[in-house]
Each structure stands twice: as C-alpha cells, then as structure tokens.
Amino acid sequence: MTAPLRTEQLESAAEPWRLPTERERLQILNRSRTIAMVGASSNPARASHFVATYLLSSSTDFVVWFVNPRESSILGHQVYPALTQLPEAPDIVVAFRREEELLGVAADAVAIGARTFWAQLGLWSDEAAVLAHEAGLLVVMNRCIKIEHARFAGGLHLAGFDTGVISSKRPVRPASSARG
C-alpha cells in the first residue's frame, strides 16, 4: 500500500492548478474529518440538503458544519452564519453557491485555514481555484462530494446508484400455469 500523498505532493504553489485525479480526491476524503457546507439548505428539494443527509448518515464519519446566514437549524444541527464562526477550521469547505460567489467562498476558506476548497457539481471558477491553490489549499471543482464519497465507499456503481438494477428492462415473469 502506498503512503498517502501530502498536500505539497499533490499540488504546489509553483505549479499551476489542476483538477485532482481520482486517486487524489480519494486521498482528500480519506484524510479529512471535518466538512463545512457553505450554502446548505433546510429545503429537502435542494441538492445541498440531500448531500447533508448523506454526510450525516452512517455511511460517513465526518463532522459536518452548515454555513448559511438565513438558516438557524438544518437536520437538527446548528447553522453558522459565516465560515469565520465555525468552532475550528474545517478540512474541507464545500461550496453550494452561485459561480459568481465562489471567489468569495474560496477567500473565506483561505482566511480560516481550511485544507481543501471544493466546488459542488456544476460549479467552476478559475479565479477561485487559483486563489485557493496559490494559498496552499487543494481545490476540487465540479464534483459532488456525496457522489465521490459513495463511489469510493462502494455505494455508487459506475453506471449509477448501487440499486442492483443493471438494466432498465422489466424482468420477464414466468407464465402462470393455471388461472383459477
């Protein structure tokens, strides 16, 4: 078994930012214990709520902090109005904000001493990536932390959720012998 890569082995400020490989994302998740979800929502229809439910489940052992100035409680957990008000610096700051807000979230992640800045699936900001990378943070863009964790933990098949169904065809049912 190879030793986990240290942050300075994964990326260095002298190198341009690049999206971490699958193995590097696995190492980020394996070495992290605390996650701050910026833009978490108590609305069950929001992606952040679904991800929060997963991260708090027995499938993970993360300590999860929610950050949203308009919320007070999500899934029975306290919500902090800003990253600066968390009890300690999280290992990962996951952003569920609009792309134009990612630079500000990345700057806050740098200011509090987070180790990784993670922009959720569908989100990308080169400016936020460069700012966080140059400050020494690992940066993941356009990846769902729930999907990545589930895939690495065996709960997500490459073709989709691990439902056991590998085809969309309905099963063939045996013909009944006699109808009474």
N, C-alpha and C. Protein backbone atom coordinates (compact mmCIF):
# COMPACT_ATOMS: atom_id res chain seq x y z
N MET A 1 0.85 -1.18 0.00
CA MET A 1 0.00 0.00 0.00
C MET A 1 0.89 1.24 0.00
N THR A 2 0.57 2.18 -0.85
CA THR A 2 1.38 3.39 -0.91
C THR A 2 0.95 4.38 0.15
N ALA A 3 1.91 5.16 0.59
CA ALA A 3 1.62 6.19 1.60
C ALA A 3 0.79 7.29 0.96
N PRO A 4 -0.14 7.88 1.73
CA PRO A 4 -0.95 8.96 1.17
C PRO A 4 -0.08 10.14 0.77
N LEU A 5 -0.48 10.80 -0.28
CA LEU A 5 0.24 11.99 -0.73
C LEU A 5 0.01 13.13 0.25
N ARG A 6 1.06 13.85 0.55
CA ARG A 6 0.93 15.05 1.36
C ARG A 6 0.46 16.18 0.47
N THR A 7 -0.09 17.21 1.08
CA THR A 7 -0.60 18.35 0.32
C THR A 7 0.46 18.88 -0.64
N GLU A 8 1.69 19.01 -0.16
CA GLU A 8 2.72 19.57 -1.02
C GLU A 8 3.09 18.63 -2.16
N GLN A 9 2.77 17.32 -2.03
CA GLN A 9 2.99 16.40 -3.13
C GLN A 9 1.86 16.48 -4.15
N LEU A 10 0.64 16.74 -3.67
CA LEU A 10 -0.49 16.83 -4.57
C LEU A 10 -0.40 18.08 -5.44
N GLU A 11 -0.11 19.19 -4.81
CA GLU A 11 -0.06 20.46 -5.53
C GLU A 11 0.94 21.37 -4.85
N SER A 12 1.51 22.21 -5.61
CA SER A 12 2.42 23.19 -5.04
C SER A 12 2.13 24.53 -5.69
N ALA A 13 2.35 25.60 -4.94
CA ALA A 13 2.06 26.94 -5.46
C ALA A 13 2.88 27.24 -6.70
N ALA A 14 4.03 26.54 -6.88
CA ALA A 14 4.87 26.76 -8.05
C ALA A 14 4.25 26.13 -9.30
N GLU A 15 3.36 25.17 -9.11
CA GLU A 15 2.71 24.51 -10.24
C GLU A 15 1.35 25.14 -10.47
N PRO A 16 0.91 25.18 -11.73
CA PRO A 16 -0.44 25.71 -11.97
C PRO A 16 -1.48 24.76 -11.39
N TRP A 17 -2.64 25.30 -11.05
CA TRP A 17 -3.71 24.47 -10.51
C TRP A 17 -4.21 23.51 -11.57
N ARG A 18 -4.54 22.31 -11.12
CA ARG A 18 -5.16 21.31 -11.98
C ARG A 18 -6.18 20.55 -11.14
N LEU A 19 -7.17 20.00 -11.78
CA LEU A 19 -8.18 19.20 -11.10
C LEU A 19 -7.51 17.95 -10.54
N PRO A 20 -7.71 17.63 -9.25
CA PRO A 20 -7.09 16.42 -8.70
C PRO A 20 -7.60 15.16 -9.40
N THR A 21 -6.73 14.19 -9.49
CA THR A 21 -7.10 12.91 -10.08
C THR A 21 -8.06 12.17 -9.15
N GLU A 22 -8.60 11.09 -9.65
CA GLU A 22 -9.50 10.26 -8.84
C GLU A 22 -8.78 9.80 -7.56
N ARG A 23 -7.57 9.33 -7.68
CA ARG A 23 -6.80 8.87 -6.52
C ARG A 23 -6.56 10.01 -5.53
N GLU A 24 -6.26 11.19 -6.04
CA GLU A 24 -6.04 12.34 -5.16
C GLU A 24 -7.32 12.77 -4.45
N ARG A 25 -8.46 12.69 -5.15
CA ARG A 25 -9.74 13.00 -4.49
C ARG A 25 -10.04 12.00 -3.39
N LEU A 26 -9.75 10.74 -3.63
CA LEU A 26 -9.93 9.72 -2.59
C LEU A 26 -9.05 10.03 -1.38
N GLN A 27 -7.82 10.44 -1.61
CA GLN A 27 -6.92 10.78 -0.51
C GLN A 27 -7.42 12.00 0.26
N ILE A 28 -7.97 12.97 -0.44
CA ILE A 28 -8.54 14.14 0.23
C ILE A 28 -9.65 13.69 1.18
N LEU A 29 -10.55 12.86 0.68
CA LEU A 29 -11.66 12.39 1.51
C LEU A 29 -11.18 11.52 2.66
N ASN A 30 -10.21 10.66 2.41
CA ASN A 30 -9.72 9.76 3.46
C ASN A 30 -9.02 10.49 4.60
N ARG A 31 -8.36 11.57 4.30
CA ARG A 31 -7.62 12.25 5.36
C ARG A 31 -8.43 13.37 6.05
N SER A 32 -9.64 13.61 5.55
CA SER A 32 -10.47 14.68 6.08
C SER A 32 -11.47 14.15 7.11
N ARG A 33 -11.70 14.95 8.14
CA ARG A 33 -12.67 14.57 9.18
C ARG A 33 -13.76 15.61 9.36
N THR A 34 -13.51 16.85 8.93
CA THR A 34 -14.50 17.92 9.11
C THR A 34 -14.83 18.57 7.77
N ILE A 35 -16.12 18.83 7.58
CA ILE A 35 -16.60 19.45 6.35
C ILE A 35 -17.52 20.60 6.71
N ALA A 36 -17.29 21.75 6.08
CA ALA A 36 -18.20 22.89 6.21
C ALA A 36 -18.94 23.03 4.89
N MET A 37 -20.26 23.01 4.97
CA MET A 37 -21.10 23.15 3.78
C MET A 37 -21.61 24.58 3.69
N VAL A 38 -21.04 25.37 2.80
CA VAL A 38 -21.44 26.76 2.62
C VAL A 38 -22.60 26.81 1.63
N GLY A 39 -23.73 27.36 2.07
CA GLY A 39 -24.91 27.40 1.24
C GLY A 39 -25.83 26.22 1.50
N ALA A 40 -25.63 25.53 2.61
CA ALA A 40 -26.51 24.41 2.98
C ALA A 40 -27.93 24.92 3.16
N SER A 41 -28.90 24.06 2.86
CA SER A 41 -30.30 24.48 2.92
C SER A 41 -31.14 23.46 3.69
N SER A 42 -32.15 23.97 4.38
CA SER A 42 -33.09 23.08 5.07
C SER A 42 -34.19 22.61 4.14
N ASN A 43 -34.20 23.08 2.90
CA ASN A 43 -35.20 22.70 1.90
C ASN A 43 -34.84 21.32 1.34
N PRO A 44 -35.66 20.30 1.58
CA PRO A 44 -35.35 18.95 1.10
C PRO A 44 -35.23 18.84 -0.42
N ALA A 45 -35.74 19.81 -1.15
CA ALA A 45 -35.65 19.77 -2.61
C ALA A 45 -34.30 20.25 -3.12
N ARG A 46 -33.47 20.82 -2.27
CA ARG A 46 -32.17 21.35 -2.68
C ARG A 46 -31.09 20.26 -2.63
N ALA A 47 -30.17 20.33 -3.56
CA ALA A 47 -29.08 19.35 -3.61
C ALA A 47 -28.27 19.36 -2.32
N SER A 48 -28.04 20.54 -1.75
CA SER A 48 -27.24 20.62 -0.53
C SER A 48 -27.90 19.86 0.62
N HIS A 49 -29.22 19.84 0.66
CA HIS A 49 -29.93 19.11 1.72
C HIS A 49 -29.73 17.61 1.55
N PHE A 50 -29.82 17.14 0.32
CA PHE A 50 -29.59 15.73 0.02
C PHE A 50 -28.17 15.32 0.38
N VAL A 51 -27.20 16.14 0.02
CA VAL A 51 -25.80 15.87 0.34
C VAL A 51 -25.60 15.89 1.86
N ALA A 52 -26.20 16.85 2.54
CA ALA A 52 -26.09 16.94 4.00
C ALA A 52 -26.63 15.68 4.66
N THR A 53 -27.77 15.21 4.19
CA THR A 53 -28.36 13.98 4.74
C THR A 53 -27.39 12.82 4.61
N TYR A 54 -26.76 12.71 3.45
CA TYR A 54 -25.78 11.64 3.24
C TYR A 54 -24.57 11.80 4.14
N LEU A 55 -24.01 13.01 4.20
CA LEU A 55 -22.80 13.22 5.00
C LEU A 55 -23.04 12.99 6.49
N LEU A 56 -24.27 13.18 6.95
CA LEU A 56 -24.60 12.94 8.36
C LEU A 56 -25.00 11.49 8.62
N SER A 57 -25.16 10.70 7.57
CA SER A 57 -25.63 9.33 7.73
C SER A 57 -24.52 8.42 8.26
N SER A 58 -24.90 7.20 8.51
CA SER A 58 -23.92 6.22 9.00
C SER A 58 -22.94 5.81 7.91
N SER A 59 -23.13 6.31 6.68
CA SER A 59 -22.22 6.00 5.59
C SER A 59 -20.89 6.73 5.71
N THR A 60 -20.86 7.79 6.52
CA THR A 60 -19.63 8.57 6.68
C THR A 60 -19.36 8.80 8.17
N ASP A 61 -18.17 9.23 8.47
CA ASP A 61 -17.85 9.59 9.85
C ASP A 61 -17.35 11.04 9.94
N PHE A 62 -17.83 11.88 9.03
CA PHE A 62 -17.44 13.28 9.02
C PHE A 62 -18.19 14.07 10.10
N VAL A 63 -17.53 15.09 10.63
CA VAL A 63 -18.20 16.12 11.41
C VAL A 63 -18.59 17.17 10.38
N VAL A 64 -19.88 17.50 10.32
CA VAL A 64 -20.38 18.41 9.29
C VAL A 64 -20.92 19.67 9.95
N TRP A 65 -20.45 20.82 9.45
CA TRP A 65 -20.96 22.11 9.90
C TRP A 65 -21.66 22.78 8.72
N PHE A 66 -22.81 23.37 9.01
CA PHE A 66 -23.58 24.07 7.98
C PHE A 66 -23.36 25.57 8.11
N VAL A 67 -23.21 26.23 6.96
CA VAL A 67 -22.98 27.67 6.93
C VAL A 67 -24.02 28.30 6.01
N ASN A 68 -24.87 29.15 6.60
CA ASN A 68 -25.88 29.87 5.83
C ASN A 68 -26.47 30.94 6.74
N PRO A 69 -26.31 32.22 6.41
CA PRO A 69 -26.81 33.28 7.29
C PRO A 69 -28.33 33.34 7.39
N ARG A 70 -29.04 32.64 6.49
CA ARG A 70 -30.51 32.68 6.52
C ARG A 70 -31.14 31.46 7.19
N GLU A 71 -30.33 30.57 7.71
CA GLU A 71 -30.84 29.36 8.35
C GLU A 71 -30.39 29.34 9.81
N SER A 72 -31.15 28.66 10.67
CA SER A 72 -30.72 28.51 12.07
C SER A 72 -30.49 27.04 12.42
N SER A 73 -31.20 26.13 11.72
CA SER A 73 -31.06 24.72 12.00
C SER A 73 -31.31 23.93 10.72
N ILE A 74 -30.46 22.95 10.47
CA ILE A 74 -30.63 22.05 9.33
C ILE A 74 -30.45 20.64 9.85
N LEU A 75 -31.46 19.82 9.64
CA LEU A 75 -31.43 18.42 10.08
C LEU A 75 -31.08 18.31 11.57
N GLY A 76 -31.56 19.27 12.35
CA GLY A 76 -31.33 19.26 13.79
C GLY A 76 -29.97 19.75 14.22
N HIS A 77 -29.19 20.28 13.30
CA HIS A 77 -27.84 20.77 13.60
C HIS A 77 -27.80 22.29 13.51
N GLN A 78 -26.97 22.88 14.34
CA GLN A 78 -26.78 24.33 14.33
C GLN A 78 -26.22 24.77 12.98
N VAL A 79 -26.67 25.94 12.55
CA VAL A 79 -26.15 26.54 11.32
C VAL A 79 -25.39 27.80 11.70
N TYR A 80 -24.20 27.96 11.14
CA TYR A 80 -23.36 29.12 11.41
C TYR A 80 -23.57 30.15 10.31
N PRO A 81 -23.60 31.43 10.68
CA PRO A 81 -23.83 32.47 9.66
C PRO A 81 -22.64 32.69 8.73
N ALA A 82 -21.44 32.30 9.14
CA ALA A 82 -20.24 32.52 8.32
C ALA A 82 -19.17 31.49 8.67
N LEU A 83 -18.28 31.24 7.73
CA LEU A 83 -17.17 30.31 7.98
C LEU A 83 -16.33 30.74 9.18
N THR A 84 -16.19 32.04 9.36
CA THR A 84 -15.36 32.55 10.45
C THR A 84 -15.93 32.23 11.83
N GLN A 85 -17.17 31.79 11.90
CA GLN A 85 -17.79 31.50 13.18
C GLN A 85 -17.82 30.00 13.52
N LEU A 86 -17.18 29.18 12.70
CA LEU A 86 -17.10 27.75 12.98
C LEU A 86 -16.22 27.51 14.20
N PRO A 87 -16.42 26.40 14.91
CA PRO A 87 -15.62 26.11 16.10
C PRO A 87 -14.13 25.90 15.81
N GLU A 88 -13.80 25.47 14.60
CA GLU A 88 -12.41 25.29 14.17
C GLU A 88 -12.37 25.29 12.65
N ALA A 89 -11.18 25.33 12.10
CA ALA A 89 -11.03 25.31 10.64
C ALA A 89 -11.39 23.93 10.12
N PRO A 90 -12.28 23.84 9.14
CA PRO A 90 -12.63 22.53 8.59
C PRO A 90 -11.56 22.03 7.63
N ASP A 91 -11.53 20.72 7.46
CA ASP A 91 -10.62 20.14 6.47
C ASP A 91 -11.08 20.52 5.06
N ILE A 92 -12.39 20.46 4.83
CA ILE A 92 -12.95 20.74 3.51
C ILE A 92 -14.05 21.79 3.64
N VAL A 93 -14.00 22.78 2.77
CA VAL A 93 -15.09 23.74 2.62
C VAL A 93 -15.76 23.40 1.30
N VAL A 94 -17.03 22.97 1.36
CA VAL A 94 -17.80 22.64 0.16
C VAL A 94 -18.74 23.79 -0.15
N ALA A 95 -18.65 24.30 -1.36
CA ALA A 95 -19.46 25.46 -1.75
C ALA A 95 -20.68 25.04 -2.56
N PHE A 96 -21.84 25.41 -2.05
CA PHE A 96 -23.12 25.27 -2.75
C PHE A 96 -23.64 26.69 -3.02
N ARG A 97 -22.88 27.46 -3.74
CA ARG A 97 -23.22 28.85 -4.03
C ARG A 97 -23.14 29.06 -5.54
N ARG A 98 -23.67 30.18 -5.99
CA ARG A 98 -23.58 30.51 -7.41
C ARG A 98 -22.11 30.69 -7.79
N GLU A 99 -21.83 30.45 -9.07
CA GLU A 99 -20.45 30.56 -9.54
C GLU A 99 -19.83 31.91 -9.23
N GLU A 100 -20.61 32.99 -9.35
CA GLU A 100 -20.05 34.32 -9.10
C GLU A 100 -19.72 34.54 -7.63
N GLU A 101 -20.17 33.67 -6.75
CA GLU A 101 -19.87 33.77 -5.32
C GLU A 101 -18.73 32.86 -4.88
N LEU A 102 -18.23 32.02 -5.78
CA LEU A 102 -17.18 31.06 -5.41
C LEU A 102 -15.88 31.74 -5.00
N LEU A 103 -15.51 32.83 -5.64
CA LEU A 103 -14.28 33.52 -5.28
C LEU A 103 -14.33 33.98 -3.83
N GLY A 104 -15.44 34.53 -3.39
CA GLY A 104 -15.59 34.96 -2.01
C GLY A 104 -15.54 33.80 -1.03
N VAL A 105 -16.17 32.68 -1.39
CA VAL A 105 -16.13 31.49 -0.52
C VAL A 105 -14.70 30.96 -0.44
N ALA A 106 -14.00 30.94 -1.58
CA ALA A 106 -12.61 30.48 -1.58
C ALA A 106 -11.74 31.39 -0.71
N ALA A 107 -11.95 32.70 -0.80
CA ALA A 107 -11.18 33.64 0.03
C ALA A 107 -11.45 33.38 1.52
N ASP A 108 -12.70 33.12 1.87
CA ASP A 108 -13.04 32.81 3.26
C ASP A 108 -12.40 31.49 3.71
N ALA A 109 -12.38 30.50 2.82
CA ALA A 109 -11.76 29.21 3.14
C ALA A 109 -10.27 29.40 3.41
N VAL A 110 -9.63 30.23 2.61
CA VAL A 110 -8.21 30.53 2.83
C VAL A 110 -8.03 31.24 4.17
N ALA A 111 -8.87 32.24 4.44
CA ALA A 111 -8.74 33.05 5.65
C ALA A 111 -8.89 32.23 6.93
N ILE A 112 -9.71 31.20 6.91
CA ILE A 112 -9.92 30.41 8.14
C ILE A 112 -8.96 29.23 8.25
N GLY A 113 -8.16 28.98 7.22
CA GLY A 113 -7.18 27.91 7.29
C GLY A 113 -7.70 26.53 6.90
N ALA A 114 -8.69 26.47 6.03
CA ALA A 114 -9.18 25.18 5.54
C ALA A 114 -8.08 24.51 4.72
N ARG A 115 -8.18 23.22 4.55
CA ARG A 115 -7.18 22.47 3.77
C ARG A 115 -7.59 22.29 2.32
N THR A 116 -8.92 22.22 2.09
CA THR A 116 -9.42 21.95 0.74
C THR A 116 -10.62 22.84 0.44
N PHE A 117 -10.65 23.39 -0.77
CA PHE A 117 -11.82 24.13 -1.26
C PHE A 117 -12.46 23.25 -2.32
N TRP A 118 -13.76 22.94 -2.15
CA TRP A 118 -14.46 22.01 -3.03
C TRP A 118 -15.71 22.69 -3.56
N ALA A 119 -15.79 22.89 -4.88
CA ALA A 119 -16.99 23.46 -5.50
C ALA A 119 -17.84 22.31 -6.02
N GLN A 120 -19.10 22.31 -5.64
CA GLN A 120 -20.02 21.23 -5.92
C GLN A 120 -20.23 21.02 -7.41
N LEU A 121 -20.85 19.92 -7.75
CA LEU A 121 -21.14 19.54 -9.13
C LEU A 121 -21.83 20.69 -9.88
N GLY A 122 -21.32 21.00 -11.06
CA GLY A 122 -21.89 22.07 -11.87
C GLY A 122 -21.28 23.43 -11.62
N LEU A 123 -20.37 23.52 -10.65
CA LEU A 123 -19.77 24.82 -10.30
C LEU A 123 -18.30 24.85 -10.68
N TRP A 124 -17.89 25.99 -11.24
CA TRP A 124 -16.50 26.14 -11.66
C TRP A 124 -16.13 27.61 -11.63
N SER A 125 -14.97 27.92 -11.06
CA SER A 125 -14.44 29.27 -11.09
C SER A 125 -12.92 29.19 -11.12
N ASP A 126 -12.35 29.57 -12.25
CA ASP A 126 -10.89 29.57 -12.36
C ASP A 126 -10.28 30.52 -11.34
N GLU A 127 -10.91 31.68 -11.12
CA GLU A 127 -10.37 32.65 -10.17
C GLU A 127 -10.35 32.08 -8.75
N ALA A 128 -11.42 31.42 -8.35
CA ALA A 128 -11.47 30.82 -7.01
C ALA A 128 -10.43 29.71 -6.89
N ALA A 129 -10.29 28.91 -7.94
CA ALA A 129 -9.31 27.82 -7.92
C ALA A 129 -7.89 28.35 -7.77
N VAL A 130 -7.55 29.36 -8.54
CA VAL A 130 -6.19 29.92 -8.48
C VAL A 130 -5.94 30.56 -7.12
N LEU A 131 -6.90 31.32 -6.61
CA LEU A 131 -6.74 31.96 -5.31
C LEU A 131 -6.50 30.92 -4.22
N ALA A 132 -7.33 29.89 -4.16
CA ALA A 132 -7.19 28.86 -3.13
C ALA A 132 -5.91 28.06 -3.32
N HIS A 133 -5.61 27.70 -4.56
CA HIS A 133 -4.40 26.92 -4.84
C HIS A 133 -3.13 27.69 -4.46
N GLU A 134 -3.08 28.96 -4.83
CA GLU A 134 -1.89 29.76 -4.51
C GLU A 134 -1.73 29.97 -3.01
N ALA A 135 -2.82 29.83 -2.25
CA ALA A 135 -2.74 29.94 -0.79
C ALA A 135 -2.42 28.59 -0.14
N GLY A 136 -2.26 27.54 -0.97
CA GLY A 136 -1.87 26.24 -0.44
C GLY A 136 -3.00 25.26 -0.22
N LEU A 137 -4.22 25.62 -0.59
CA LEU A 137 -5.34 24.69 -0.45
C LEU A 137 -5.40 23.74 -1.64
N LEU A 138 -5.90 22.55 -1.41
CA LEU A 138 -6.24 21.66 -2.50
C LEU A 138 -7.58 22.16 -3.05
N VAL A 139 -7.80 21.99 -4.33
CA VAL A 139 -9.01 22.54 -4.95
C VAL A 139 -9.66 21.48 -5.82
N VAL A 140 -10.96 21.26 -5.59
CA VAL A 140 -11.77 20.36 -6.40
C VAL A 140 -12.92 21.18 -6.96
N MET A 141 -13.15 21.07 -8.25
CA MET A 141 -14.24 21.80 -8.90
C MET A 141 -15.14 20.82 -9.64
N ASN A 142 -16.43 21.18 -9.69
CA ASN A 142 -17.41 20.46 -10.50
C ASN A 142 -17.49 18.97 -10.14
N ARG A 143 -17.44 18.68 -8.86
CA ARG A 143 -17.58 17.30 -8.37
C ARG A 143 -18.50 17.31 -7.17
N CYS A 144 -19.38 16.33 -7.09
CA CYS A 144 -20.26 16.20 -5.93
C CYS A 144 -19.55 15.38 -4.85
N ILE A 145 -19.39 15.96 -3.69
CA ILE A 145 -18.68 15.28 -2.61
C ILE A 145 -19.42 14.02 -2.17
N LYS A 146 -20.74 14.02 -2.26
CA LYS A 146 -21.53 12.84 -1.91
C LYS A 146 -21.29 11.72 -2.92
N ILE A 147 -21.35 12.06 -4.19
CA ILE A 147 -21.13 11.06 -5.23
C ILE A 147 -19.71 10.51 -5.14
N GLU A 148 -18.73 11.39 -4.95
CA GLU A 148 -17.35 10.93 -4.85
C GLU A 148 -17.17 9.98 -3.66
N HIS A 149 -17.68 10.38 -2.50
CA HIS A 149 -17.54 9.52 -1.32
C HIS A 149 -18.25 8.19 -1.53
N ALA A 150 -19.48 8.22 -2.02
CA ALA A 150 -20.24 6.99 -2.23
C ALA A 150 -19.56 6.08 -3.23
N ARG A 151 -19.01 6.65 -4.28
CA ARG A 151 -18.32 5.84 -5.29
C ARG A 151 -17.10 5.15 -4.69
N PHE A 152 -16.32 5.90 -3.92
CA PHE A 152 -15.13 5.32 -3.32
C PHE A 152 -15.47 4.32 -2.21
N ALA A 153 -16.61 4.51 -1.55
CA ALA A 153 -17.01 3.63 -0.45
C ALA A 153 -17.81 2.43 -0.95
N GLY A 154 -18.02 2.33 -2.25
CA GLY A 154 -18.73 1.19 -2.81
C GLY A 154 -20.23 1.36 -2.88
N GLY A 155 -20.73 2.54 -2.57
CA GLY A 155 -22.17 2.76 -2.59
C GLY A 155 -22.68 3.33 -3.89
N LEU A 156 -21.82 3.48 -4.87
CA LEU A 156 -22.24 4.04 -6.15
C LEU A 156 -21.51 3.30 -7.25
N HIS A 157 -22.27 2.65 -8.09
CA HIS A 157 -21.70 1.93 -9.21
C HIS A 157 -21.38 2.92 -10.32
N LEU A 158 -20.45 2.58 -11.18
CA LEU A 158 -20.09 3.48 -12.27
C LEU A 158 -21.28 3.82 -13.16
N ALA A 159 -22.24 2.90 -13.24
CA ALA A 159 -23.41 3.14 -14.09
C ALA A 159 -24.52 3.88 -13.35
N GLY A 160 -24.36 4.12 -12.06
CA GLY A 160 -25.40 4.83 -11.30
C GLY A 160 -25.43 4.37 -9.87
N PHE A 161 -26.48 4.71 -9.17
CA PHE A 161 -26.59 4.32 -7.77
C PHE A 161 -26.61 2.80 -7.65
N ASP A 162 -26.11 2.28 -6.58
CA ASP A 162 -25.99 0.85 -6.36
C ASP A 162 -27.36 0.27 -5.99
N THR A 163 -28.22 0.19 -6.97
CA THR A 163 -29.57 -0.31 -6.74
C THR A 163 -29.68 -1.80 -7.01
N GLY A 164 -28.65 -2.36 -7.62
CA GLY A 164 -28.71 -3.76 -8.00
C GLY A 164 -29.35 -3.94 -9.37
N VAL A 165 -29.95 -2.90 -9.91
CA VAL A 165 -30.58 -2.95 -11.22
C VAL A 165 -29.54 -2.52 -12.23
N ILE A 166 -29.26 -3.39 -13.20
CA ILE A 166 -28.27 -3.03 -14.20
C ILE A 166 -28.92 -2.84 -15.57
N SER A 167 -30.22 -2.92 -15.61
CA SER A 167 -30.93 -2.73 -16.86
C SER A 167 -32.24 -2.00 -16.59
N SER A 168 -32.68 -1.24 -17.57
CA SER A 168 -33.95 -0.57 -17.42
C SER A 168 -35.11 -1.44 -17.91
N LYS A 169 -34.79 -2.60 -18.46
CA LYS A 169 -35.84 -3.50 -18.94
C LYS A 169 -36.54 -4.16 -17.75
N ARG A 170 -37.82 -4.35 -17.91
CA ARG A 170 -38.57 -5.03 -16.87
C ARG A 170 -38.22 -6.51 -16.89
N PRO A 171 -38.20 -7.13 -15.70
CA PRO A 171 -37.88 -8.56 -15.67
C PRO A 171 -39.00 -9.38 -16.34
N VAL A 172 -38.61 -10.46 -16.98
CA VAL A 172 -39.57 -11.36 -17.60
C VAL A 172 -40.16 -12.21 -16.48
N ARG A 173 -41.47 -12.23 -16.43
CA ARG A 173 -42.14 -13.02 -15.40
C ARG A 173 -42.57 -14.35 -16.00
N PRO A 174 -42.41 -15.42 -15.24
CA PRO A 174 -42.83 -16.73 -15.79
C PRO A 174 -44.35 -16.75 -15.96
N ALA A 175 -44.77 -17.40 -17.01
CA ALA A 175 -46.21 -17.54 -17.25
C ALA A 175 -46.82 -18.41 -16.17
N SER A 176 -47.98 -18.02 -15.67
CA SER A 176 -48.62 -18.84 -14.66
C SER A 176 -49.23 -20.07 -15.32
N SER A 177 -49.19 -21.18 -14.62
CA SER A 177 -49.63 -22.44 -15.21
C SER A 177 -51.14 -22.53 -15.37
N ALA A 178 -51.87 -22.16 -14.36
CA ALA A 178 -53.33 -22.27 -14.44
C ALA A 178 -53.97 -21.13 -13.68
N ARG A 179 -54.96 -20.57 -14.24
CA ARG A 179 -55.66 -19.48 -13.56
C ARG A 179 -56.97 -20.02 -13.07
N GLY A 180 -57.25 -19.75 -11.86
CA GLY A 180 -58.45 -20.33 -11.30
C GLY A 180 -59.47 -19.38 -11.04
